[in-house]
Amino acid sequence: MLGKARRSFGISIGILLLGFMAIGFALVYRVMRDSPPPQVAAEVFLPAGAEVVSALKLDGTVQVTYRAGEATLLSVFDAASGELVRTVTIGQQ
């Protein structure tokens, strides 16, 4: 009799824990779904005549690799405002 009561209690607690986990997952899903997407700059400005090699959005920045004449440059822009953060010249040794 006592074993039957323990088993019934264990099953009840297991179902209760599964219910709490389901509520927790639902709350996390709803918070993540309703969060606004991060802002991305509408445009960034490069020198006239520059040929874009690649563009990448990474860690709150927009990174653009381009050729201007003979030089290859990497410009890092702030993703929210589009402001130039830094420019790095990529060269060969």
PDB file of N, CA and C in Angstrom:
ATOM      1  N   MET A   1       0.817  -1.186   0.000  1.00  0.00           N
ATOM      2  CA  MET A   1       0.000   0.000   0.000  1.00  0.00           C
ATOM      3  C   MET A   1       0.869   1.260   0.000  1.00  0.00           C
ATOM      4  N   LEU A   2       1.896   1.261   0.846  1.00  0.00           N
ATOM      5  CA  LEU A   2       2.775   2.408   0.934  1.00  0.00           C
ATOM      6  C   LEU A   2       3.567   2.595  -0.363  1.00  0.00           C
ATOM      7  N   GLY A   3       3.984   1.513  -0.998  1.00  0.00           N
ATOM      8  CA  GLY A   3       4.712   1.579  -2.271  1.00  0.00           C
ATOM      9  C   GLY A   3       3.841   2.160  -3.370  1.00  0.00           C
ATOM     10  N   LYS A   4       2.570   1.790  -3.371  1.00  0.00           N
ATOM     11  CA  LYS A   4       1.633   2.309  -4.367  1.00  0.00           C
ATOM     12  C   LYS A   4       1.451   3.822  -4.199  1.00  0.00           C
ATOM     13  N   ALA A   5       1.405   4.295  -2.971  1.00  0.00           N
ATOM     14  CA  ALA A   5       1.254   5.730  -2.696  1.00  0.00           C
ATOM     15  C   ALA A   5       2.507   6.493  -3.133  1.00  0.00           C
ATOM     16  N   ARG A   6       3.680   5.918  -2.873  1.00  0.00           N
ATOM     17  CA  ARG A   6       4.925   6.563  -3.291  1.00  0.00           C
ATOM     18  C   ARG A   6       5.003   6.677  -4.816  1.00  0.00           C
ATOM     19  N   ARG A   7       4.649   5.614  -5.507  1.00  0.00           N
ATOM     20  CA  ARG A   7       4.678   5.611  -6.970  1.00  0.00           C
ATOM     21  C   ARG A   7       3.707   6.648  -7.519  1.00  0.00           C
ATOM     22  N   SER A   8       2.520   6.726  -6.960  1.00  0.00           N
ATOM     23  CA  SER A   8       1.530   7.709  -7.388  1.00  0.00           C
ATOM     24  C   SER A   8       2.032   9.134  -7.125  1.00  0.00           C
ATOM     25  N   PHE A   9       2.663   9.335  -5.978  1.00  0.00           N
ATOM     26  CA  PHE A   9       3.220  10.648  -5.645  1.00  0.00           C
ATOM     27  C   PHE A   9       4.343  11.016  -6.624  1.00  0.00           C
ATOM     28  N   GLY A  10       5.218  10.066  -6.956  1.00  0.00           N
ATOM     29  CA  GLY A  10       6.319  10.300  -7.896  1.00  0.00           C
ATOM     30  C   GLY A  10       5.807  10.671  -9.276  1.00  0.00           C
ATOM     31  N   ILE A  11       4.787   9.977  -9.731  1.00  0.00           N
ATOM     32  CA  ILE A  11       4.201  10.286 -11.047  1.00  0.00           C
ATOM     33  C   ILE A  11       3.583  11.670 -11.025  1.00  0.00           C
ATOM     34  N   SER A  12       2.890  12.021  -9.969  1.00  0.00           N
ATOM     35  CA  SER A  12       2.276  13.341  -9.852  1.00  0.00           C
ATOM     36  C   SER A  12       3.325  14.450  -9.860  1.00  0.00           C
ATOM     37  N   ILE A  13       4.403  14.264  -9.116  1.00  0.00           N
ATOM     38  CA  ILE A  13       5.478  15.252  -9.076  1.00  0.00           C
ATOM     39  C   ILE A  13       6.137  15.363 -10.454  1.00  0.00           C
ATOM     40  N   GLY A  14       6.329  14.237 -11.135  1.00  0.00           N
ATOM     41  CA  GLY A  14       6.918  14.253 -12.475  1.00  0.00           C
ATOM     42  C   GLY A  14       6.069  15.048 -13.452  1.00  0.00           C
ATOM     43  N   ILE A  15       4.769  14.850 -13.428  1.00  0.00           N
ATOM     44  CA  ILE A  15       3.859  15.594 -14.307  1.00  0.00           C
ATOM     45  C   ILE A  15       3.878  17.079 -13.951  1.00  0.00           C
ATOM     46  N   LEU A  16       3.917  17.391 -12.668  1.00  0.00           N
ATOM     47  CA  LEU A  16       3.976  18.781 -12.232  1.00  0.00           C
ATOM     48  C   LEU A  16       5.259  19.460 -12.741  1.00  0.00           C
ATOM     49  N   LEU A  17       6.411  18.771 -12.627  1.00  0.00           N
ATOM     50  CA  LEU A  17       7.673  19.332 -13.112  1.00  0.00           C
ATOM     51  C   LEU A  17       7.660  19.531 -14.627  1.00  0.00           C
ATOM     52  N   LEU A  18       7.096  18.585 -15.356  1.00  0.00           N
ATOM     53  CA  LEU A  18       6.972  18.747 -16.812  1.00  0.00           C
ATOM     54  C   LEU A  18       6.112  19.960 -17.160  1.00  0.00           C
ATOM     55  N   GLY A  19       5.061  20.191 -16.404  1.00  0.00           N
ATOM     56  CA  GLY A  19       4.209  21.353 -16.628  1.00  0.00           C
ATOM     57  C   GLY A  19       4.952  22.659 -16.387  1.00  0.00           C
ATOM     58  N   PHE A  20       5.747  22.717 -15.303  1.00  0.00           N
ATOM     59  CA  PHE A  20       6.541  23.912 -15.029  1.00  0.00           C
ATOM     60  C   PHE A  20       7.579  24.155 -16.127  1.00  0.00           C
ATOM     61  N   MET A  21       8.195  23.083 -16.619  1.00  0.00           N
ATOM     62  CA  MET A  21       9.171  23.233 -17.696  1.00  0.00           C
ATOM     63  C   MET A  21       8.504  23.748 -18.960  1.00  0.00           C
ATOM     64  N   ALA A  22       7.312  23.260 -19.272  1.00  0.00           N
ATOM     65  CA  ALA A  22       6.592  23.723 -20.459  1.00  0.00           C
ATOM     66  C   ALA A  22       6.249  25.199 -20.344  1.00  0.00           C
ATOM     67  N   ILE A  23       5.838  25.642 -19.167  1.00  0.00           N
ATOM     68  CA  ILE A  23       5.534  27.060 -18.958  1.00  0.00           C
ATOM     69  C   ILE A  23       6.804  27.896 -19.108  1.00  0.00           C
ATOM     70  N   GLY A  24       7.914  27.427 -18.552  1.00  0.00           N
ATOM     71  CA  GLY A  24       9.186  28.135 -18.687  1.00  0.00           C
ATOM     72  C   GLY A  24       9.610  28.263 -20.141  1.00  0.00           C
ATOM     73  N   PHE A  25       9.517  27.196 -20.925  1.00  0.00           N
ATOM     74  CA  PHE A  25       9.873  27.249 -22.345  1.00  0.00           C
ATOM     75  C   PHE A  25       8.959  28.211 -23.099  1.00  0.00           C
ATOM     76  N   ALA A  26       7.672  28.198 -22.771  1.00  0.00           N
ATOM     77  CA  ALA A  26       6.726  29.100 -23.441  1.00  0.00           C
ATOM     78  C   ALA A  26       7.060  30.557 -23.145  1.00  0.00           C
ATOM     79  N   LEU A  27       7.416  30.864 -21.895  1.00  0.00           N
ATOM     80  CA  LEU A  27       7.771  32.246 -21.548  1.00  0.00           C
ATOM     81  C   LEU A  27       9.037  32.699 -22.259  1.00  0.00           C
ATOM     82  N   VAL A  28      10.056  31.854 -22.285  1.00  0.00           N
ATOM     83  CA  VAL A  28      11.299  32.206 -22.976  1.00  0.00           C
ATOM     84  C   VAL A  28      11.045  32.394 -24.464  1.00  0.00           C
ATOM     85  N   TYR A  29      10.268  31.516 -25.074  1.00  0.00           N
ATOM     86  CA  TYR A  29       9.949  31.640 -26.492  1.00  0.00           C
ATOM     87  C   TYR A  29       9.238  32.954 -26.775  1.00  0.00           C
ATOM     88  N   ARG A  30       8.290  33.304 -25.942  1.00  0.00           N
ATOM     89  CA  ARG A  30       7.523  34.533 -26.173  1.00  0.00           C
ATOM     90  C   ARG A  30       8.401  35.774 -26.026  1.00  0.00           C
ATOM     91  N   VAL A  31       9.287  35.783 -25.053  1.00  0.00           N
ATOM     92  CA  VAL A  31      10.181  36.923 -24.878  1.00  0.00           C
ATOM     93  C   VAL A  31      11.120  37.049 -26.078  1.00  0.00           C
ATOM     94  N   MET A  32      11.670  35.939 -26.537  1.00  0.00           N
ATOM     95  CA  MET A  32      12.589  35.981 -27.668  1.00  0.00           C
ATOM     96  C   MET A  32      11.863  36.348 -28.958  1.00  0.00           C
ATOM     97  N   ARG A  33      10.642  35.914 -29.131  1.00  0.00           N
ATOM     98  CA  ARG A  33       9.881  36.185 -30.352  1.00  0.00           C
ATOM     99  C   ARG A  33       9.477  37.645 -30.422  1.00  0.00           C
ATOM    100  N   ASP A  34       9.148  38.249 -29.300  1.00  0.00           N
ATOM    101  CA  ASP A  34       8.644  39.614 -29.280  1.00  0.00           C
ATOM    102  C   ASP A  34       9.746  40.670 -29.225  1.00  0.00           C
ATOM    103  N   SER A  35      11.009  40.270 -29.089  1.00  0.00           N
ATOM    104  CA  SER A  35      12.073  41.273 -29.023  1.00  0.00           C
ATOM    105  C   SER A  35      12.277  41.880 -30.415  1.00  0.00           C
ATOM    106  N   PRO A  36      12.497  43.186 -30.472  1.00  0.00           N
ATOM    107  CA  PRO A  36      12.661  43.832 -31.776  1.00  0.00           C
ATOM    108  C   PRO A  36      13.982  43.429 -32.423  1.00  0.00           C
ATOM    109  N   PRO A  37      14.016  43.365 -33.750  1.00  0.00           N
ATOM    110  CA  PRO A  37      15.276  43.017 -34.413  1.00  0.00           C
ATOM    111  C   PRO A  37      16.277  44.162 -34.260  1.00  0.00           C
ATOM    112  N   PRO A  38      17.562  43.849 -34.259  1.00  0.00           N
ATOM    113  CA  PRO A  38      18.561  44.909 -34.115  1.00  0.00           C
ATOM    114  C   PRO A  38      18.549  45.843 -35.312  1.00  0.00           C
ATOM    115  N   GLN A  39      18.862  47.117 -35.064  1.00  0.00           N
ATOM    116  CA  GLN A  39      18.894  48.095 -36.141  1.00  0.00           C
ATOM    117  C   GLN A  39      20.134  47.897 -36.991  1.00  0.00           C
ATOM    118  N   VAL A  40      19.963  48.078 -38.303  1.00  0.00           N
ATOM    119  CA  VAL A  40      21.077  48.004 -39.230  1.00  0.00           C
ATOM    120  C   VAL A  40      21.043  49.268 -40.069  1.00  0.00           C
ATOM    121  N   ALA A  41      22.208  49.868 -40.267  1.00  0.00           N
ATOM    122  CA  ALA A  41      22.303  51.105 -41.044  1.00  0.00           C
ATOM    123  C   ALA A  41      21.767  50.880 -42.451  1.00  0.00           C
ATOM    124  N   ALA A  42      21.059  51.863 -42.974  1.00  0.00           N
ATOM    125  CA  ALA A  42      20.486  51.764 -44.311  1.00  0.00           C
ATOM    126  C   ALA A  42      21.565  51.857 -45.379  1.00  0.00           C
ATOM    127  N   GLU A  43      22.618  52.633 -45.129  1.00  0.00           N
ATOM    128  CA  GLU A  43      23.682  52.777 -46.114  1.00  0.00           C
ATOM    129  C   GLU A  43      24.981  53.169 -45.429  1.00  0.00           C
ATOM    130  N   VAL A  44      26.073  52.808 -46.078  1.00  0.00           N
ATOM    131  CA  VAL A  44      27.410  53.234 -45.670  1.00  0.00           C
ATOM    132  C   VAL A  44      28.082  53.836 -46.894  1.00  0.00           C
ATOM    133  N   PHE A  45      29.019  54.727 -46.679  1.00  0.00           N
ATOM    134  CA  PHE A  45      29.634  55.446 -47.791  1.00  0.00           C
ATOM    135  C   PHE A  45      31.085  55.024 -47.974  1.00  0.00           C
ATOM    136  N   LEU A  46      31.430  54.704 -49.228  1.00  0.00           N
ATOM    137  CA  LEU A  46      32.785  54.338 -49.611  1.00  0.00           C
ATOM    138  C   LEU A  46      33.318  55.393 -50.576  1.00  0.00           C
ATOM    139  N   PRO A  47      34.633  55.432 -50.787  1.00  0.00           N
ATOM    140  CA  PRO A  47      35.184  56.388 -51.739  1.00  0.00           C
ATOM    141  C   PRO A  47      34.643  56.132 -53.156  1.00  0.00           C
ATOM    142  N   ALA A  48      34.585  57.195 -53.952  1.00  0.00           N
ATOM    143  CA  ALA A  48      34.098  57.070 -55.334  1.00  0.00           C
ATOM    144  C   ALA A  48      35.034  56.150 -56.118  1.00  0.00           C
ATOM    145  N   GLY A  49      34.460  55.278 -56.921  1.00  0.00           N
ATOM    146  CA  GLY A  49      35.232  54.357 -57.749  1.00  0.00           C
ATOM    147  C   GLY A  49      35.694  53.104 -57.035  1.00  0.00           C
ATOM    148  N   ALA A  50      35.282  52.904 -55.783  1.00  0.00           N
ATOM    149  CA  ALA A  50      35.685  51.718 -55.022  1.00  0.00           C
ATOM    150  C   ALA A  50      34.898  50.511 -55.503  1.00  0.00           C
ATOM    151  N   GLU A  51      35.590  49.368 -55.584  1.00  0.00           N
ATOM    152  CA  GLU A  51      34.957  48.113 -55.992  1.00  0.00           C
ATOM    153  C   GLU A  51      34.810  47.227 -54.754  1.00  0.00           C
ATOM    154  N   VAL A  52      33.584  46.924 -54.383  1.00  0.00           N
ATOM    155  CA  VAL A  52      33.315  46.137 -53.173  1.00  0.00           C
ATOM    156  C   VAL A  52      33.676  44.677 -53.422  1.00  0.00           C
ATOM    157  N   VAL A  53      34.506  44.124 -52.541  1.00  0.00           N
ATOM    158  CA  VAL A  53      34.899  42.718 -52.622  1.00  0.00           C
ATOM    159  C   VAL A  53      33.951  41.882 -51.770  1.00  0.00           C
ATOM    160  N   SER A  54      33.669  42.343 -50.542  1.00  0.00           N
ATOM    161  CA  SER A  54      32.744  41.624 -49.672  1.00  0.00           C
ATOM    162  C   SER A  54      32.189  42.572 -48.623  1.00  0.00           C
ATOM    163  N   ALA A  55      31.039  42.211 -48.083  1.00  0.00           N
ATOM    164  CA  ALA A  55      30.414  42.957 -46.993  1.00  0.00           C
ATOM    165  C   ALA A  55      29.877  41.938 -46.001  1.00  0.00           C
ATOM    166  N   LEU A  56      30.030  42.245 -44.710  1.00  0.00           N
ATOM    167  CA  LEU A  56      29.682  41.290 -43.669  1.00  0.00           C
ATOM    168  C   LEU A  56      29.157  42.041 -42.460  1.00  0.00           C
ATOM    169  N   LYS A  57      28.047  41.567 -41.881  1.00  0.00           N
ATOM    170  CA  LYS A  57      27.514  42.135 -40.637  1.00  0.00           C
ATOM    171  C   LYS A  57      27.932  41.196 -39.514  1.00  0.00           C
ATOM    172  N   LEU A  58      28.681  41.732 -38.549  1.00  0.00           N
ATOM    173  CA  LEU A  58      29.233  40.896 -37.498  1.00  0.00           C
ATOM    174  C   LEU A  58      29.383  41.694 -36.209  1.00  0.00           C
ATOM    175  N   ASP A  59      28.820  41.209 -35.115  1.00  0.00           N
ATOM    176  CA  ASP A  59      28.996  41.793 -33.776  1.00  0.00           C
ATOM    177  C   ASP A  59      28.700  43.287 -33.729  1.00  0.00           C
ATOM    178  N   GLY A  60      27.590  43.717 -34.305  1.00  0.00           N
ATOM    179  CA  GLY A  60      27.198  45.115 -34.235  1.00  0.00           C
ATOM    180  C   GLY A  60      27.963  46.017 -35.184  1.00  0.00           C
ATOM    181  N   THR A  61      28.680  45.411 -36.135  1.00  0.00           N
ATOM    182  CA  THR A  61      29.411  46.196 -37.125  1.00  0.00           C
ATOM    183  C   THR A  61      29.074  45.703 -38.527  1.00  0.00           C
ATOM    184  N   VAL A  62      29.320  46.572 -39.506  1.00  0.00           N
ATOM    185  CA  VAL A  62      29.260  46.180 -40.911  1.00  0.00           C
ATOM    186  C   VAL A  62      30.685  46.313 -41.423  1.00  0.00           C
ATOM    187  N   GLN A  63      31.247  45.209 -41.908  1.00  0.00           N
ATOM    188  CA  GLN A  63      32.626  45.210 -42.370  1.00  0.00           C
ATOM    189  C   GLN A  63      32.636  45.075 -43.887  1.00  0.00           C
ATOM    190  N   VAL A  64      33.231  46.055 -44.567  1.00  0.00           N
ATOM    191  CA  VAL A  64      33.248  46.090 -46.020  1.00  0.00           C
ATOM    192  C   VAL A  64      34.692  46.044 -46.489  1.00  0.00           C
ATOM    193  N   THR A  65      35.000  45.059 -47.321  1.00  0.00           N
ATOM    194  CA  THR A  65      36.302  44.976 -47.960  1.00  0.00           C
ATOM    195  C   THR A  65      36.135  45.484 -49.382  1.00  0.00           C
ATOM    196  N   TYR A  66      37.013  46.395 -49.797  1.00  0.00           N
ATOM    197  CA  TYR A  66      36.888  46.972 -51.137  1.00  0.00           C
ATOM    198  C   TYR A  66      38.257  47.328 -51.692  1.00  0.00           C
ATOM    199  N   ARG A  67      38.294  47.498 -53.020  1.00  0.00           N
ATOM    200  CA  ARG A  67      39.505  47.914 -53.711  1.00  0.00           C
ATOM    201  C   ARG A  67      39.331  49.352 -54.161  1.00  0.00           C
ATOM    202  N   ALA A  68      40.305  50.177 -53.836  1.00  0.00           N
ATOM    203  CA  ALA A  68      40.334  51.564 -54.284  1.00  0.00           C
ATOM    204  C   ALA A  68      41.668  51.755 -54.988  1.00  0.00           C
ATOM    205  N   GLY A  69      41.646  51.719 -56.299  1.00  0.00           N
ATOM    206  CA  GLY A  69      42.889  51.774 -57.063  1.00  0.00           C
ATOM    207  C   GLY A  69      43.636  50.471 -56.887  1.00  0.00           C
ATOM    208  N   GLU A  70      44.882  50.551 -56.454  1.00  0.00           N
ATOM    209  CA  GLU A  70      45.702  49.351 -56.237  1.00  0.00           C
ATOM    210  C   GLU A  70      45.583  48.823 -54.808  1.00  0.00           C
ATOM    211  N   ALA A  71      45.033  49.606 -53.918  1.00  0.00           N
ATOM    212  CA  ALA A  71      44.961  49.231 -52.504  1.00  0.00           C
ATOM    213  C   ALA A  71      43.691  48.444 -52.205  1.00  0.00           C
ATOM    214  N   THR A  72      43.810  47.482 -51.294  1.00  0.00           N
ATOM    215  CA  THR A  72      42.659  46.753 -50.773  1.00  0.00           C
ATOM    216  C   THR A  72      42.466  47.202 -49.332  1.00  0.00           C
ATOM    217  N   LEU A  73      41.257  47.638 -49.001  1.00  0.00           N
ATOM    218  CA  LEU A  73      40.974  48.206 -47.688  1.00  0.00           C
ATOM    219  C   LEU A  73      39.817  47.477 -47.017  1.00  0.00           C
ATOM    220  N   LEU A  74      39.851  47.474 -45.698  1.00  0.00           N
ATOM    221  CA  LEU A  74      38.754  46.954 -44.891  1.00  0.00           C
ATOM    222  C   LEU A  74      38.239  48.105 -44.044  1.00  0.00           C
ATOM    223  N   SER A  75      36.991  48.468 -44.232  1.00  0.00           N
ATOM    224  CA  SER A  75      36.379  49.527 -43.427  1.00  0.00           C
ATOM    225  C   SER A  75      35.349  48.905 -42.502  1.00  0.00           C
ATOM    226  N   VAL A  76      35.387  49.312 -41.246  1.00  0.00           N
ATOM    227  CA  VAL A  76      34.459  48.813 -40.228  1.00  0.00           C
ATOM    228  C   VAL A  76      33.521  49.965 -39.870  1.00  0.00           C
ATOM    229  N   PHE A  77      32.211  49.732 -40.049  1.00  0.00           N
ATOM    230  CA  PHE A  77      31.189  50.728 -39.765  1.00  0.00           C
ATOM    231  C   PHE A  77      30.339  50.254 -38.592  1.00  0.00           C
ATOM    232  N   ASP A  78      29.826  51.197 -37.812  1.00  0.00           N
ATOM    233  CA  ASP A  78      28.869  50.880 -36.758  1.00  0.00           C
ATOM    234  C   ASP A  78      27.557  50.463 -37.426  1.00  0.00           C
ATOM    235  N   ALA A  79      26.995  49.316 -37.039  1.00  0.00           N
ATOM    236  CA  ALA A  79      25.807  48.789 -37.715  1.00  0.00           C
ATOM    237  C   ALA A  79      24.570  49.641 -37.464  1.00  0.00           C
ATOM    238  N   ALA A  80      24.463  50.283 -36.323  1.00  0.00           N
ATOM    239  CA  ALA A  80      23.257  51.057 -36.011  1.00  0.00           C
ATOM    240  C   ALA A  80      23.254  52.416 -36.696  1.00  0.00           C
ATOM    241  N   SER A  81      24.404  53.100 -36.706  1.00  0.00           N
ATOM    242  CA  SER A  81      24.431  54.468 -37.232  1.00  0.00           C
ATOM    243  C   SER A  81      25.033  54.573 -38.623  1.00  0.00           C
ATOM    244  N   GLY A  82      25.864  53.612 -39.022  1.00  0.00           N
ATOM    245  CA  GLY A  82      26.524  53.677 -40.320  1.00  0.00           C
ATOM    246  C   GLY A  82      27.790  54.511 -40.297  1.00  0.00           C
ATOM    247  N   GLU A  83      28.229  54.943 -39.118  1.00  0.00           N
ATOM    248  CA  GLU A  83      29.443  55.753 -39.012  1.00  0.00           C
ATOM    249  C   GLU A  83      30.686  54.881 -39.139  1.00  0.00           C
ATOM    250  N   LEU A  84      31.707  55.432 -39.795  1.00  0.00           N
ATOM    251  CA  LEU A  84      32.979  54.732 -39.965  1.00  0.00           C
ATOM    252  C   LEU A  84      33.692  54.634 -38.620  1.00  0.00           C
ATOM    253  N   VAL A  85      34.046  53.419 -38.227  1.00  0.00           N
ATOM    254  CA  VAL A  85      34.761  53.194 -36.974  1.00  0.00           C
ATOM    255  C   VAL A  85      36.263  53.201 -37.237  1.00  0.00           C
ATOM    256  N   ARG A  86      36.698  52.429 -38.246  1.00  0.00           N
ATOM    257  CA  ARG A  86      38.112  52.407 -38.604  1.00  0.00           C
ATOM    258  C   ARG A  86      38.293  51.821 -39.997  1.00  0.00           C
ATOM    259  N   THR A  87      39.436  52.112 -40.587  1.00  0.00           N
ATOM    260  CA  THR A  87      39.799  51.579 -41.891  1.00  0.00           C
ATOM    261  C   THR A  87      41.172  50.947 -41.772  1.00  0.00           C
ATOM    262  N   VAL A  88      41.320  49.759 -42.335  1.00  0.00           N
ATOM    263  CA  VAL A  88      42.587  49.010 -42.283  1.00  0.00           C
ATOM    264  C   VAL A  88      43.004  48.732 -43.726  1.00  0.00           C
ATOM    265  N   THR A  89      44.270  49.011 -44.032  1.00  0.00           N
ATOM    266  CA  THR A  89      44.809  48.682 -45.350  1.00  0.00           C
ATOM    267  C   THR A  89      45.301  47.247 -45.326  1.00  0.00           C
ATOM    268  N   ILE A  90      44.885  46.481 -46.318  1.00  0.00           N
ATOM    269  CA  ILE A  90      45.295  45.091 -46.431  1.00  0.00           C
ATOM    270  C   ILE A  90      46.348  45.030 -47.532  1.00  0.00           C
ATOM    271  N   GLY A  91      47.541  44.595 -47.187  1.00  0.00           N
ATOM    272  CA  GLY A  91      48.637  44.575 -48.162  1.00  0.00           C
ATOM    273  C   GLY A  91      49.304  43.219 -48.206  1.00  0.00           C
ATOM    274  N   GLN A  92      50.231  43.098 -49.164  1.00  0.00           N
ATOM    275  CA  GLN A  92      51.000  41.870 -49.309  1.00  0.00           C
ATOM    276  C   GLN A  92      52.426  42.119 -48.861  1.00  0.00           C
ATOM    277  N   GLN A  93      53.066  41.093 -48.326  1.00  0.00           N
ATOM    278  CA  GLN A  93      54.451  41.235 -47.893  1.00  0.00           C
ATOM    279  C   GLN A  93      55.373  40.669 -48.951  1.00  0.00           C
TER     280      GLN A  93
END
